C-alpha cells in the first residue's frame, strides 16, 4: 500500500463519495470505498468515511442537504479524532462520525435545546450499547456496518428518510487477525 497521509485519504474518500449519486445504502457506499487501496483494514480514515457514506446515502434517499458543504464540515470535525478511540476512549470513531453527521444535518451545537440534540444522543447511545454487547477486539468494518445500519433505521423512524439496506456479510474477516468470527453479527464463512 502506498504511504498516504490521513489528509490524502480524506481527499480520496471525498472524491469517491461524490461519485455515488444514486446509491441509497450507506453500507454499500462505504464498502465500495473500503475496498480501495487507500483504506486500511483498521484506521482513523473510517472516522470520515463512515459519516461521509451516511451523508451521501441520506442525500440520495431524498434528504435535503448540501453534500459538499456537509462533507467539508465532517472532515473538519473528524480529522481531530485520534485512532484507537474505541480502546483508549471507550467510544467508536464510526459512531462518532455518524453522530457528527447527524449534528451537521440539523445544525446541532452544544447550546441546542431542540429535539435534534436529544435524538443525536439517542442514536449514539443505542449504537454504543449494541457495540458493547459484541465487545472487542476492535474492528472498524464491524463497527461501520453496525453504526450505518442503525443510522439507516434511525433516520427512517425519526425523519422519514428511507435509505436502503440489505443483509451484511463481511468480506474482510479473512484479513483481520482479531476477527471475532461467530461472535460478530456480520461474519460468514
Protein backbone atom coordinates (compact mmCIF):
# COMPACT_ATOMS: atom_id res chain seq x y z
CA UNK A 1 0.00 0.00 0.00
CA UNK A 2 1.36 3.46 -0.84
CA UNK A 3 2.18 5.71 2.09
CA UNK A 4 -0.83 8.07 2.14
CA UNK A 5 -1.32 10.73 4.79
CA UNK A 6 -4.64 10.94 6.57
CA UNK A 7 -5.38 14.14 4.64
CA UNK A 8 -4.70 12.26 1.36
CA UNK A 9 -7.12 9.55 2.43
CA UNK A 10 -9.80 12.12 3.28
CA UNK A 11 -9.36 13.70 -0.17
CA UNK A 12 -9.63 10.30 -1.89
CA UNK A 13 -12.70 9.41 0.17
CA UNK A 14 -14.42 12.67 -0.78
CA UNK A 15 -13.51 12.23 -4.47
CA UNK A 16 -15.04 8.75 -4.47
CA UNK A 17 -18.07 9.65 -2.32
CA UNK A 18 -19.07 12.46 -4.66
CA UNK A 19 -19.35 9.89 -7.48
CA UNK A 20 -22.04 7.96 -5.57
CA UNK A 21 -25.01 9.85 -6.96
CA UNK A 22 -27.76 7.26 -6.70
CA UNK A 23 -26.85 4.65 -4.05
CA UNK A 24 -29.19 4.87 -1.06
CA UNK A 25 -27.48 2.20 1.02
CA UNK A 26 -24.80 3.73 3.28
CA UNK A 27 -23.10 0.36 3.76
CA UNK A 28 -22.86 -0.24 0.01
CA UNK A 29 -21.27 3.20 -0.35
CA UNK A 30 -18.83 2.53 2.49
CA UNK A 31 -17.98 -0.96 1.16
CA UNK A 32 -17.20 0.41 -2.27
CA UNK A 33 -14.63 2.75 -0.74
CA UNK A 34 -13.35 0.27 1.89
CA UNK A 35 -12.10 -1.88 -0.99
CA UNK A 36 -9.79 0.88 -2.25
CA UNK A 37 -6.05 0.74 -1.62
CA UNK A 38 -6.05 3.91 0.47
CA UNK A 39 -8.29 2.40 3.18
CA UNK A 40 -6.62 0.25 5.83
CA UNK A 41 -8.42 -2.63 7.49
CA UNK A 42 -8.46 -0.53 10.67
CA UNK A 43 -7.65 3.15 10.96
CA UNK A 44 -8.82 6.69 11.53
CA UNK A 45 -9.81 7.13 7.87
CA UNK A 46 -13.03 5.34 8.91
CA UNK A 47 -13.81 8.32 11.14
CA UNK A 48 -14.51 10.32 7.97
CA UNK A 49 -15.57 7.51 5.63
CA UNK A 50 -18.49 6.25 7.71
CA UNK A 51 -20.14 9.63 8.26
CA UNK A 52 -19.50 10.55 4.62
CA UNK A 53 -21.20 7.34 3.42
CA UNK A 54 -24.14 8.12 5.70
CA UNK A 55 -24.46 11.71 4.43
CA UNK A 56 -24.27 10.57 0.81
CA UNK A 57 -26.95 7.88 1.24
CA UNK A 58 -29.08 10.40 3.13
CA UNK A 59 -28.87 12.87 0.23
CA UNK A 60 -29.53 10.11 -2.32
CA UNK A 61 -32.60 8.99 -0.33
CA UNK A 62 -34.09 12.47 -0.81
CA UNK A 63 -32.69 14.00 2.34
CA UNK A 64 -32.25 17.68 1.55
CA UNK A 65 -28.63 18.68 2.21
CA UNK A 66 -25.71 20.45 0.57
CA UNK A 67 -23.49 17.36 0.42
CA UNK A 68 -20.29 19.19 -0.45
CA UNK A 69 -20.67 21.59 2.49
CA UNK A 70 -21.61 18.75 4.85
CA UNK A 71 -18.61 16.66 3.80
CA UNK A 72 -16.26 19.60 4.32
CA UNK A 73 -17.64 20.18 7.81
CA UNK A 74 -17.48 16.46 8.61
CA UNK A 75 -13.83 16.37 7.53
CA UNK A 76 -13.01 19.32 9.82
CA UNK A 77 -14.60 17.56 12.77
CA UNK A 78 -13.39 14.01 12.22
CA UNK A 79 -9.76 14.77 11.38
CA UNK A 80 -9.42 15.75 15.05
CA UNK A 81 -10.37 12.24 16.22
CA UNK A 82 -7.37 10.07 17.07
CA UNK A 83 -7.04 6.47 16.03
CA UNK A 84 -7.84 3.73 18.56
CA UNK A 85 -10.63 5.75 20.18
CA UNK A 86 -12.53 2.53 20.88
CA UNK A 87 -9.83 1.10 23.10
CA UNK A 88 -8.41 4.32 24.53
CA UNK A 89 -11.55 6.45 24.97
CA UNK A 90 -14.43 3.98 25.10
CA UNK A 91 -16.16 5.46 22.04
CA UNK A 92 -16.04 4.21 18.47
CA UNK A 93 -14.86 6.57 15.73
CA UNK A 94 -17.51 5.26 13.32
CA UNK A 95 -20.24 6.02 15.80
CA UNK A 96 -18.77 9.47 16.48
CA UNK A 97 -18.55 10.10 12.73
CA UNK A 98 -22.22 9.31 12.10
CA UNK A 99 -23.13 11.27 15.25
CA UNK A 100 -21.22 14.25 13.82
CA UNK A 101 -23.04 13.80 10.50
CA UNK A 102 -26.41 13.90 12.27
CA UNK A 103 -25.31 17.05 14.08
CA UNK A 104 -24.27 18.64 10.78
CA UNK A 105 -27.62 17.74 9.17
CA UNK A 106 -29.53 19.70 11.78
CA UNK A 107 -27.04 22.36 12.77
CA UNK A 108 -26.91 20.96 16.29
CA UNK A 109 -24.47 22.64 18.65
CA UNK A 110 -23.56 22.31 22.33
CA UNK A 111 -26.14 25.04 23.02
CA UNK A 112 -29.01 23.43 21.09
CA UNK A 113 -32.21 22.85 23.02
CA UNK A 114 -34.26 21.24 20.25
CA UNK A 115 -35.21 17.61 19.68
CA UNK A 116 -32.22 17.02 17.40
CA UNK A 117 -29.80 17.37 20.30
CA UNK A 118 -31.67 14.65 22.20
CA UNK A 119 -32.09 12.48 19.10
CA UNK A 120 -28.37 12.59 18.27
CA UNK A 121 -27.63 11.36 21.79
CA UNK A 122 -30.35 8.72 21.48
CA UNK A 123 -28.74 7.38 18.30
CA UNK A 124 -25.20 7.30 19.66
CA UNK A 125 -26.30 5.72 22.95
CA UNK A 126 -28.20 2.96 21.11
CA UNK A 127 -25.28 2.13 18.84
CA UNK A 128 -22.75 2.18 21.67
CA UNK A 129 -25.00 -0.18 23.64
CA UNK A 130 -25.04 -2.62 20.69
CA UNK A 131 -21.28 -2.37 20.26
CA UNK A 132 -20.75 -3.06 23.95
CA UNK A 133 -22.76 -6.29 23.66
CA UNK A 134 -20.38 -7.55 20.97
CA UNK A 135 -17.16 -6.43 22.65
CA UNK A 136 -13.67 -6.31 21.18
CA UNK A 137 -11.06 -6.54 19.82
CA UNK A 138 -11.59 -3.56 17.60
CA UNK A 139 -12.89 -3.95 14.08
CA UNK A 140 -13.51 -0.83 12.03
CA UNK A 141 -15.54 -2.76 9.46
CA UNK A 142 -17.87 -4.39 12.02
CA UNK A 143 -18.44 -1.07 13.78
CA UNK A 144 -19.07 0.70 10.46
CA UNK A 145 -21.66 -1.90 9.47
CA UNK A 146 -23.33 -1.59 12.85
CA UNK A 147 -23.36 2.21 13.08
CA UNK A 148 -24.50 2.66 9.46
CA UNK A 149 -27.24 0.03 9.57
CA UNK A 150 -28.62 1.51 12.77
CA UNK A 151 -28.34 5.03 11.33
CA UNK A 152 -30.46 3.99 8.33
CA UNK A 153 -33.16 2.68 10.66
CA UNK A 154 -32.89 5.79 12.83
CA UNK A 155 -33.43 8.34 10.05
CA UNK A 156 -36.33 6.35 8.67
CA UNK A 157 -38.02 6.37 12.07
CA UNK A 158 -37.19 9.96 13.04
CA UNK A 159 -37.09 11.86 9.72
CA UNK A 160 -38.95 9.61 7.26
CA UNK A 161 -35.85 9.37 5.05
CA UNK A 162 -35.70 5.82 3.76
CA UNK A 163 -32.25 4.53 2.97
CA UNK A 164 -31.80 1.08 1.52
CA UNK A 165 -30.29 -1.80 3.45
CA UNK A 166 -29.52 -5.45 2.94
CA UNK A 167 -28.06 -8.36 4.81
CA UNK A 168 -24.42 -7.68 5.55
CA UNK A 169 -21.78 -10.36 5.15
CA UNK A 170 -18.30 -9.17 5.95
CA UNK A 171 -15.72 -9.82 3.26
CA UNK A 172 -12.83 -8.57 5.40
CA UNK A 173 -12.73 -11.26 8.11
CA UNK A 174 -10.04 -13.35 6.34
CA UNK A 175 -7.69 -10.34 6.62
CA UNK A 176 -8.46 -9.49 10.26
CA UNK A 177 -6.32 -11.44 12.72
CA UNK A 178 -8.56 -10.28 15.57
CA UNK A 179 -11.86 -11.19 13.87
CA UNK A 180 -14.42 -12.36 16.41
CA UNK A 181 -15.75 -14.85 13.86
CA UNK A 182 -19.13 -16.24 15.01
CA UNK A 183 -19.41 -13.61 17.77
CA UNK A 184 -19.67 -10.94 15.05
CA UNK A 185 -23.15 -10.43 13.56
CA UNK A 186 -21.62 -9.83 10.11
CA UNK A 187 -19.26 -12.82 9.96
CA UNK A 188 -19.82 -15.52 7.38
CA UNK A 189 -17.79 -18.49 6.26
